[in-house]
PDB file of N, CA and C in Angstrom:
ATOM      1  N   MET A   1      -3.614 -13.869  65.625  1.00  0.00           N
ATOM      2  CA  MET A   1      -3.740 -14.802  66.700  1.00  0.00           C
ATOM      3  C   MET A   1      -4.316 -14.081  67.915  1.00  0.00           C
ATOM      4  N   LEU A   2      -5.230 -14.729  68.593  1.00  0.00           N
ATOM      5  CA  LEU A   2      -5.780 -14.234  69.848  1.00  0.00           C
ATOM      6  C   LEU A   2      -5.041 -14.950  70.966  1.00  0.00           C
ATOM      7  N   LEU A   3      -4.258 -14.214  71.740  1.00  0.00           N
ATOM      8  CA  LEU A   3      -3.431 -14.790  72.788  1.00  0.00           C
ATOM      9  C   LEU A   3      -3.979 -14.388  74.147  1.00  0.00           C
ATOM     10  N   ASP A   4      -4.524 -15.342  74.869  1.00  0.00           N
ATOM     11  CA  ASP A   4      -5.121 -15.094  76.178  1.00  0.00           C
ATOM     12  C   ASP A   4      -4.080 -15.386  77.255  1.00  0.00           C
ATOM     13  N   VAL A   5      -3.713 -14.373  78.042  1.00  0.00           N
ATOM     14  CA  VAL A   5      -2.655 -14.526  79.035  1.00  0.00           C
ATOM     15  C   VAL A   5      -3.202 -14.688  80.459  1.00  0.00           C
ATOM     16  N   ARG A   6      -4.477 -14.999  80.586  1.00  0.00           N
ATOM     17  CA  ARG A   6      -5.069 -15.221  81.904  1.00  0.00           C
ATOM     18  C   ARG A   6      -4.685 -16.601  82.440  1.00  0.00           C
ATOM     19  N   GLU A   7      -5.122 -16.893  83.638  1.00  0.00           N
ATOM     20  CA  GLU A   7      -4.881 -18.194  84.257  1.00  0.00           C
ATOM     21  C   GLU A   7      -5.897 -19.213  83.713  1.00  0.00           C
ATOM     22  N   PRO A   8      -5.555 -20.509  83.774  1.00  0.00           N
ATOM     23  CA  PRO A   8      -6.473 -21.531  83.242  1.00  0.00           C
ATOM     24  C   PRO A   8      -7.885 -21.454  83.814  1.00  0.00           C
ATOM     25  N   TRP A   9      -8.034 -21.180  85.118  1.00  0.00           N
ATOM     26  CA  TRP A   9      -9.386 -21.121  85.691  1.00  0.00           C
ATOM     27  C   TRP A   9     -10.183 -19.976  85.092  1.00  0.00           C
ATOM     28  N   GLU A  10      -9.515 -18.875  84.757  1.00  0.00           N
ATOM     29  CA  GLU A  10     -10.196 -17.740  84.141  1.00  0.00           C
ATOM     30  C   GLU A  10     -10.632 -18.096  82.723  1.00  0.00           C
ATOM     31  N   PHE A  11      -9.749 -18.773  82.000  1.00  0.00           N
ATOM     32  CA  PHE A  11     -10.026 -19.193  80.630  1.00  0.00           C
ATOM     33  C   PHE A  11     -11.214 -20.145  80.598  1.00  0.00           C
ATOM     34  N   GLN A  12     -11.318 -21.009  81.620  1.00  0.00           N
ATOM     35  CA  GLN A  12     -12.457 -21.934  81.697  1.00  0.00           C
ATOM     36  C   GLN A  12     -13.761 -21.200  81.998  1.00  0.00           C
ATOM     37  N   ALA A  13     -13.667 -20.110  82.751  1.00  0.00           N
ATOM     38  CA  ALA A  13     -14.874 -19.348  83.108  1.00  0.00           C
ATOM     39  C   ALA A  13     -15.499 -18.679  81.894  1.00  0.00           C
ATOM     40  N   CYS A  14     -14.665 -18.120  81.022  1.00  0.00           N
ATOM     41  CA  CYS A  14     -15.138 -17.490  79.793  1.00  0.00           C
ATOM     42  C   CYS A  14     -13.948 -17.251  78.879  1.00  0.00           C
ATOM     43  N   ARG A  15     -14.207 -17.284  77.595  1.00  0.00           N
ATOM     44  CA  ARG A  15     -13.136 -17.056  76.626  1.00  0.00           C
ATOM     45  C   ARG A  15     -13.719 -16.572  75.318  1.00  0.00           C
ATOM     46  N   ILE A  16     -12.863 -15.930  74.547  1.00  0.00           N
ATOM     47  CA  ILE A  16     -13.233 -15.533  73.192  1.00  0.00           C
ATOM     48  C   ILE A  16     -12.899 -16.722  72.294  1.00  0.00           C
ATOM     49  N   GLU A  17     -13.851 -17.112  71.498  1.00  0.00           N
ATOM     50  CA  GLU A  17     -13.689 -18.270  70.614  1.00  0.00           C
ATOM     51  C   GLU A  17     -12.436 -18.128  69.766  1.00  0.00           C
ATOM     52  N   GLY A  18     -11.633 -19.175  69.735  1.00  0.00           N
ATOM     53  CA  GLY A  18     -10.432 -19.197  68.919  1.00  0.00           C
ATOM     54  C   GLY A  18      -9.186 -18.702  69.632  1.00  0.00           C
ATOM     55  N   ALA A  19      -9.342 -18.204  70.871  1.00  0.00           N
ATOM     56  CA  ALA A  19      -8.186 -17.705  71.614  1.00  0.00           C
ATOM     57  C   ALA A  19      -7.322 -18.868  72.096  1.00  0.00           C
ATOM     58  N   ARG A  20      -6.031 -18.608  72.137  1.00  0.00           N
ATOM     59  CA  ARG A  20      -5.064 -19.583  72.634  1.00  0.00           C
ATOM     60  C   ARG A  20      -4.634 -19.163  74.030  1.00  0.00           C
ATOM     61  N   LEU A  21      -4.695 -20.089  74.978  1.00  0.00           N
ATOM     62  CA  LEU A  21      -4.291 -19.797  76.348  1.00  0.00           C
ATOM     63  C   LEU A  21      -2.780 -19.969  76.502  1.00  0.00           C
ATOM     64  N   LEU A  22      -2.139 -18.928  77.015  1.00  0.00           N
ATOM     65  CA  LEU A  22      -0.721 -18.971  77.391  1.00  0.00           C
ATOM     66  C   LEU A  22      -0.578 -18.031  78.587  1.00  0.00           C
ATOM     67  N   PRO A  23      -0.714 -18.581  79.813  1.00  0.00           N
ATOM     68  CA  PRO A  23      -0.682 -17.715  80.998  1.00  0.00           C
ATOM     69  C   PRO A  23       0.537 -16.795  81.018  1.00  0.00           C
ATOM     70  N   MET A  24       0.327 -15.578  81.475  1.00  0.00           N
ATOM     71  CA  MET A  24       1.366 -14.559  81.464  1.00  0.00           C
ATOM     72  C   MET A  24       2.645 -15.050  82.143  1.00  0.00           C
ATOM     73  N   ARG A  25       2.516 -15.776  83.241  1.00  0.00           N
ATOM     74  CA  ARG A  25       3.693 -16.242  83.971  1.00  0.00           C
ATOM     75  C   ARG A  25       4.526 -17.218  83.153  1.00  0.00           C
ATOM     76  N   GLU A  26       3.931 -17.858  82.145  1.00  0.00           N
ATOM     77  CA  GLU A  26       4.635 -18.822  81.298  1.00  0.00           C
ATOM     78  C   GLU A  26       5.166 -18.193  80.009  1.00  0.00           C
ATOM     79  N   LEU A  27       4.762 -16.986  79.722  1.00  0.00           N
ATOM     80  CA  LEU A  27       5.090 -16.345  78.454  1.00  0.00           C
ATOM     81  C   LEU A  27       6.589 -16.277  78.168  1.00  0.00           C
ATOM     82  N   PRO A  28       7.431 -15.821  79.095  1.00  0.00           N
ATOM     83  CA  PRO A  28       8.868 -15.752  78.771  1.00  0.00           C
ATOM     84  C   PRO A  28       9.474 -17.107  78.398  1.00  0.00           C
ATOM     85  N   ALA A  29       9.069 -18.160  79.087  1.00  0.00           N
ATOM     86  CA  ALA A  29       9.628 -19.487  78.825  1.00  0.00           C
ATOM     87  C   ALA A  29       9.081 -20.118  77.551  1.00  0.00           C
ATOM     88  N   ARG A  30       7.909 -19.689  77.120  1.00  0.00           N
ATOM     89  CA  ARG A  30       7.247 -20.321  75.969  1.00  0.00           C
ATOM     90  C   ARG A  30       7.147 -19.411  74.753  1.00  0.00           C
ATOM     91  N   ILE A  31       7.852 -18.293  74.772  1.00  0.00           N
ATOM     92  CA  ILE A  31       7.763 -17.325  73.681  1.00  0.00           C
ATOM     93  C   ILE A  31       8.127 -17.950  72.333  1.00  0.00           C
ATOM     94  N   GLY A  32       8.974 -18.960  72.339  1.00  0.00           N
ATOM     95  CA  GLY A  32       9.364 -19.632  71.105  1.00  0.00           C
ATOM     96  C   GLY A  32       8.227 -20.348  70.400  1.00  0.00           C
ATOM     97  N   GLU A  33       7.110 -20.549  71.087  1.00  0.00           N
ATOM     98  CA  GLU A  33       5.938 -21.198  70.493  1.00  0.00           C
ATOM     99  C   GLU A  33       5.115 -20.227  69.645  1.00  0.00           C
ATOM    100  N   LEU A  34       5.450 -18.951  69.729  1.00  0.00           N
ATOM    101  CA  LEU A  34       4.671 -17.914  69.039  1.00  0.00           C
ATOM    102  C   LEU A  34       5.405 -17.409  67.808  1.00  0.00           C
ATOM    103  N   ASP A  35       4.646 -16.941  66.834  1.00  0.00           N
ATOM    104  CA  ASP A  35       5.194 -16.398  65.592  1.00  0.00           C
ATOM    105  C   ASP A  35       5.342 -14.883  65.722  1.00  0.00           C
ATOM    106  N   PRO A  36       6.580 -14.377  65.739  1.00  0.00           N
ATOM    107  CA  PRO A  36       6.788 -12.938  65.903  1.00  0.00           C
ATOM    108  C   PRO A  36       6.217 -12.094  64.765  1.00  0.00           C
ATOM    109  N   ALA A  37       5.959 -12.696  63.616  1.00  0.00           N
ATOM    110  CA  ALA A  37       5.428 -11.952  62.471  1.00  0.00           C
ATOM    111  C   ALA A  37       3.898 -11.955  62.428  1.00  0.00           C
ATOM    112  N   ALA A  38       3.264 -12.798  63.241  1.00  0.00           N
ATOM    113  CA  ALA A  38       1.801 -12.904  63.211  1.00  0.00           C
ATOM    114  C   ALA A  38       1.160 -11.709  63.914  1.00  0.00           C
ATOM    115  N   GLU A  39       0.064 -11.228  63.350  1.00  0.00           N
ATOM    116  CA  GLU A  39      -0.722 -10.208  64.037  1.00  0.00           C
ATOM    117  C   GLU A  39      -1.298 -10.853  65.297  1.00  0.00           C
ATOM    118  N   THR A  40      -1.024 -10.268  66.448  1.00  0.00           N
ATOM    119  CA  THR A  40      -1.389 -10.869  67.726  1.00  0.00           C
ATOM    120  C   THR A  40      -2.184  -9.890  68.564  1.00  0.00           C
ATOM    121  N   VAL A  41      -3.336 -10.344  69.058  1.00  0.00           N
ATOM    122  CA  VAL A  41      -4.150  -9.572  69.988  1.00  0.00           C
ATOM    123  C   VAL A  41      -4.034 -10.269  71.337  1.00  0.00           C
ATOM    124  N   VAL A  42      -3.532  -9.540  72.336  1.00  0.00           N
ATOM    125  CA  VAL A  42      -3.321 -10.109  73.657  1.00  0.00           C
ATOM    126  C   VAL A  42      -4.517  -9.763  74.541  1.00  0.00           C
ATOM    127  N   ILE A  43      -4.995 -10.775  75.285  1.00  0.00           N
ATOM    128  CA  ILE A  43      -6.249 -10.678  76.025  1.00  0.00           C
ATOM    129  C   ILE A  43      -6.035 -11.059  77.491  1.00  0.00           C
ATOM    130  N   CYS A  44      -6.685 -10.318  78.394  1.00  0.00           N
ATOM    131  CA  CYS A  44      -6.774 -10.731  79.797  1.00  0.00           C
ATOM    132  C   CYS A  44      -8.168 -10.338  80.305  1.00  0.00           C
ATOM    133  N   HIS A  45      -8.322 -10.224  81.619  1.00  0.00           N
ATOM    134  CA  HIS A  45      -9.634  -9.923  82.182  1.00  0.00           C
ATOM    135  C   HIS A  45     -10.055  -8.473  81.938  1.00  0.00           C
ATOM    136  N   HIS A  46      -9.199  -7.513  82.325  1.00  0.00           N
ATOM    137  CA  HIS A  46      -9.555  -6.103  82.173  1.00  0.00           C
ATOM    138  C   HIS A  46      -8.590  -5.302  81.300  1.00  0.00           C
ATOM    139  N   GLY A  47      -7.523  -5.920  80.824  1.00  0.00           N
ATOM    140  CA  GLY A  47      -6.610  -5.238  79.917  1.00  0.00           C
ATOM    141  C   GLY A  47      -5.254  -4.874  80.490  1.00  0.00           C
ATOM    142  N   GLY A  48      -5.054  -5.007  81.789  1.00  0.00           N
ATOM    143  CA  GLY A  48      -3.787  -4.637  82.411  1.00  0.00           C
ATOM    144  C   GLY A  48      -2.675  -5.644  82.155  1.00  0.00           C
ATOM    145  N   ARG A  49      -2.958  -6.902  82.445  1.00  0.00           N
ATOM    146  CA  ARG A  49      -1.949  -7.945  82.199  1.00  0.00           C
ATOM    147  C   ARG A  49      -1.635  -8.055  80.721  1.00  0.00           C
ATOM    148  N   SER A  50      -2.652  -7.972  79.893  1.00  0.00           N
ATOM    149  CA  SER A  50      -2.425  -8.103  78.458  1.00  0.00           C
ATOM    150  C   SER A  50      -1.596  -6.945  77.921  1.00  0.00           C
ATOM    151  N   LEU A  51      -1.756  -5.747  78.490  1.00  0.00           N
ATOM    152  CA  LEU A  51      -0.929  -4.611  78.081  1.00  0.00           C
ATOM    153  C   LEU A  51       0.534  -4.894  78.412  1.00  0.00           C
ATOM    154  N   GLN A  52       0.801  -5.399  79.607  1.00  0.00           N
ATOM    155  CA  GLN A  52       2.171  -5.744  79.989  1.00  0.00           C
ATOM    156  C   GLN A  52       2.736  -6.827  79.074  1.00  0.00           C
ATOM    157  N   ALA A  53       1.931  -7.853  78.780  1.00  0.00           N
ATOM    158  CA  ALA A  53       2.379  -8.940  77.910  1.00  0.00           C
ATOM    159  C   ALA A  53       2.633  -8.434  76.494  1.00  0.00           C
ATOM    160  N   ALA A  54       1.772  -7.549  75.996  1.00  0.00           N
ATOM    161  CA  ALA A  54       1.951  -6.992  74.650  1.00  0.00           C
ATOM    162  C   ALA A  54       3.242  -6.183  74.573  1.00  0.00           C
ATOM    163  N   MET A  55       3.525  -5.384  75.603  1.00  0.00           N
ATOM    164  CA  MET A  55       4.763  -4.610  75.616  1.00  0.00           C
ATOM    165  C   MET A  55       5.973  -5.547  75.668  1.00  0.00           C
ATOM    166  N   PHE A  56       5.887  -6.625  76.423  1.00  0.00           N
ATOM    167  CA  PHE A  56       6.963  -7.609  76.478  1.00  0.00           C
ATOM    168  C   PHE A  56       7.204  -8.205  75.090  1.00  0.00           C
ATOM    169  N   LEU A  57       6.120  -8.593  74.411  1.00  0.00           N
ATOM    170  CA  LEU A  57       6.260  -9.179  73.075  1.00  0.00           C
ATOM    171  C   LEU A  57       6.892  -8.184  72.104  1.00  0.00           C
ATOM    172  N   GLU A  58       6.485  -6.929  72.170  1.00  0.00           N
ATOM    173  CA  GLU A  58       7.085  -5.911  71.300  1.00  0.00           C
ATOM    174  C   GLU A  58       8.581  -5.778  71.563  1.00  0.00           C
ATOM    175  N   ARG A  59       8.984  -5.804  72.836  1.00  0.00           N
ATOM    176  CA  ARG A  59      10.416  -5.714  73.173  1.00  0.00           C
ATOM    177  C   ARG A  59      11.191  -6.932  72.677  1.00  0.00           C
ATOM    178  N   GLN A  60      10.477  -8.042  72.474  1.00  0.00           N
ATOM    179  CA  GLN A  60      11.114  -9.253  71.978  1.00  0.00           C
ATOM    180  C   GLN A  60      11.106  -9.327  70.450  1.00  0.00           C
ATOM    181  N   GLY A  61      10.647  -8.272  69.790  1.00  0.00           N
ATOM    182  CA  GLY A  61      10.693  -8.208  68.338  1.00  0.00           C
ATOM    183  C   GLY A  61       9.416  -8.574  67.613  1.00  0.00           C
ATOM    184  N   PHE A  62       8.316  -8.763  68.332  1.00  0.00           N
ATOM    185  CA  PHE A  62       7.042  -9.044  67.678  1.00  0.00           C
ATOM    186  C   PHE A  62       6.580  -7.767  66.989  1.00  0.00           C
ATOM    187  N   SER A  63       6.213  -7.882  65.729  1.00  0.00           N
ATOM    188  CA  SER A  63       6.013  -6.685  64.917  1.00  0.00           C
ATOM    189  C   SER A  63       4.586  -6.142  64.889  1.00  0.00           C
ATOM    190  N   CYS A  64       3.591  -6.944  65.228  1.00  0.00           N
ATOM    191  CA  CYS A  64       2.204  -6.476  65.110  1.00  0.00           C
ATOM    192  C   CYS A  64       1.392  -6.991  66.302  1.00  0.00           C
ATOM    193  N   VAL A  65       1.510  -6.289  67.420  1.00  0.00           N
ATOM    194  CA  VAL A  65       0.871  -6.709  68.669  1.00  0.00           C
ATOM    195  C   VAL A  65      -0.142  -5.650  69.103  1.00  0.00           C
ATOM    196  N   HIS A  66      -1.299  -6.116  69.544  1.00  0.00           N
ATOM    197  CA  HIS A  66      -2.362  -5.226  70.023  1.00  0.00           C
ATOM    198  C   HIS A  66      -2.847  -5.728  71.378  1.00  0.00           C
ATOM    199  N   ASN A  67      -3.251  -4.803  72.220  1.00  0.00           N
ATOM    200  CA  ASN A  67      -3.864  -5.134  73.501  1.00  0.00           C
ATOM    201  C   ASN A  67      -5.374  -4.988  73.352  1.00  0.00           C
ATOM    202  N   LEU A  68      -6.126  -5.984  73.838  1.00  0.00           N
ATOM    203  CA  LEU A  68      -7.587  -5.858  73.846  1.00  0.00           C
ATOM    204  C   LEU A  68      -7.960  -4.983  75.042  1.00  0.00           C
ATOM    205  N   SER A  69      -8.150  -3.717  74.779  1.00  0.00           N
ATOM    206  CA  SER A  69      -8.472  -2.749  75.824  1.00  0.00           C
ATOM    207  C   SER A  69      -9.762  -3.152  76.533  1.00  0.00           C
ATOM    208  N   GLY A  70      -9.702  -3.212  77.848  1.00  0.00           N
ATOM    209  CA  GLY A  70     -10.878  -3.596  78.632  1.00  0.00           C
ATOM    210  C   GLY A  70     -11.025  -5.086  78.816  1.00  0.00           C
ATOM    211  N   GLY A  71     -10.231  -5.875  78.090  1.00  0.00           N
ATOM    212  CA  GLY A  71     -10.211  -7.329  78.247  1.00  0.00           C
ATOM    213  C   GLY A  71     -11.515  -8.026  77.921  1.00  0.00           C
ATOM    214  N   VAL A  72     -11.624  -9.265  78.417  1.00  0.00           N
ATOM    215  CA  VAL A  72     -12.832 -10.048  78.147  1.00  0.00           C
ATOM    216  C   VAL A  72     -14.046  -9.448  78.838  1.00  0.00           C
ATOM    217  N   ASP A  73     -13.812  -8.698  79.903  1.00  0.00           N
ATOM    218  CA  ASP A  73     -14.937  -8.047  80.579  1.00  0.00           C
ATOM    219  C   ASP A  73     -15.612  -7.053  79.634  1.00  0.00           C
ATOM    220  N   ALA A  74     -14.823  -6.202  78.998  1.00  0.00           N
ATOM    221  CA  ALA A  74     -15.382  -5.232  78.052  1.00  0.00           C
ATOM    222  C   ALA A  74     -15.959  -5.938  76.825  1.00  0.00           C
ATOM    223  N   TRP A  75     -15.292  -7.011  76.388  1.00  0.00           N
ATOM    224  CA  TRP A  75     -15.788  -7.776  75.239  1.00  0.00           C
ATOM    225  C   TRP A  75     -17.183  -8.320  75.551  1.00  0.00           C
ATOM    226  N   ALA A  76     -17.343  -8.894  76.743  1.00  0.00           N
ATOM    227  CA  ALA A  76     -18.637  -9.465  77.123  1.00  0.00           C
ATOM    228  C   ALA A  76     -19.712  -8.385  77.218  1.00  0.00           C
ATOM    229  N   ARG A  77     -19.353  -7.233  77.715  1.00  0.00           N
ATOM    230  CA  ARG A  77     -20.337  -6.157  77.896  1.00  0.00           C
ATOM    231  C   ARG A  77     -20.716  -5.462  76.590  1.00  0.00           C
ATOM    232  N   SER A  78     -19.784  -5.422  75.614  1.00  0.00           N
ATOM    233  CA  SER A  78     -20.069  -4.651  74.402  1.00  0.00           C
ATOM    234  C   SER A  78     -20.219  -5.480  73.136  1.00  0.00           C
ATOM    235  N   VAL A  79     -19.626  -6.669  73.083  1.00  0.00           N
ATOM    236  CA  VAL A  79     -19.661  -7.463  71.854  1.00  0.00           C
ATOM    237  C   VAL A  79     -20.480  -8.746  72.020  1.00  0.00           C
ATOM    238  N   ASP A  80     -20.265  -9.464  73.117  1.00  0.00           N
ATOM    239  CA  ASP A  80     -20.894 -10.775  73.310  1.00  0.00           C
ATOM    240  C   ASP A  80     -21.601 -10.833  74.656  1.00  0.00           C
ATOM    241  N   PRO A  81     -22.816 -10.290  74.752  1.00  0.00           N
ATOM    242  CA  PRO A  81     -23.519 -10.264  76.039  1.00  0.00           C
ATOM    243  C   PRO A  81     -23.853 -11.651  76.591  1.00  0.00           C
ATOM    244  N   ALA A  82     -23.721 -12.705  75.782  1.00  0.00           N
ATOM    245  CA  ALA A  82     -23.974 -14.058  76.283  1.00  0.00           C
ATOM    246  C   ALA A  82     -22.773 -14.616  77.043  1.00  0.00           C
ATOM    247  N   MET A  83     -21.618 -13.945  76.923  1.00  0.00           N
ATOM    248  CA  MET A  83     -20.426 -14.416  77.617  1.00  0.00           C
ATOM    249  C   MET A  83     -20.566 -14.170  79.111  1.00  0.00           C
ATOM    250  N   PRO A  84     -20.239 -15.187  79.924  1.00  0.00           N
ATOM    251  CA  PRO A  84     -20.318 -14.987  81.381  1.00  0.00           C
ATOM    252  C   PRO A  84     -19.300 -13.943  81.858  1.00  0.00           C
ATOM    253  N   LEU A  85     -19.652 -13.253  82.912  1.00  0.00           N
ATOM    254  CA  LEU A  85     -18.745 -12.299  83.570  1.00  0.00           C
ATOM    255  C   LEU A  85     -18.240 -12.933  84.854  1.00  0.00           C
ATOM    256  N   TYR A  86     -17.060 -12.512  85.267  1.00  0.00           N
ATOM    257  CA  TYR A  86     -16.537 -12.979  86.568  1.00  0.00           C
ATOM    258  C   TYR A  86     -15.788 -11.865  87.244  1.00  0.00           C
TER     259      TYR A  86
END
């Protein structure tokens, strides 16, 4: 699962196809919507918020969590140059 923890306006500006938006501030209250056994890649703008969210998920028992290092900014620059930057 691709879990995007940015704010809705950021998600509207650009996103990785197939990512699910769950803003970081809502994560603790909505953690029950996620599958702790699913391989999860957490995404934000530059990788800082997603790292914090990934560590939170691991502390909650999620077994296979990864942080997208560099976030959507790095993704746009190295994988998908057609993706808008902000």
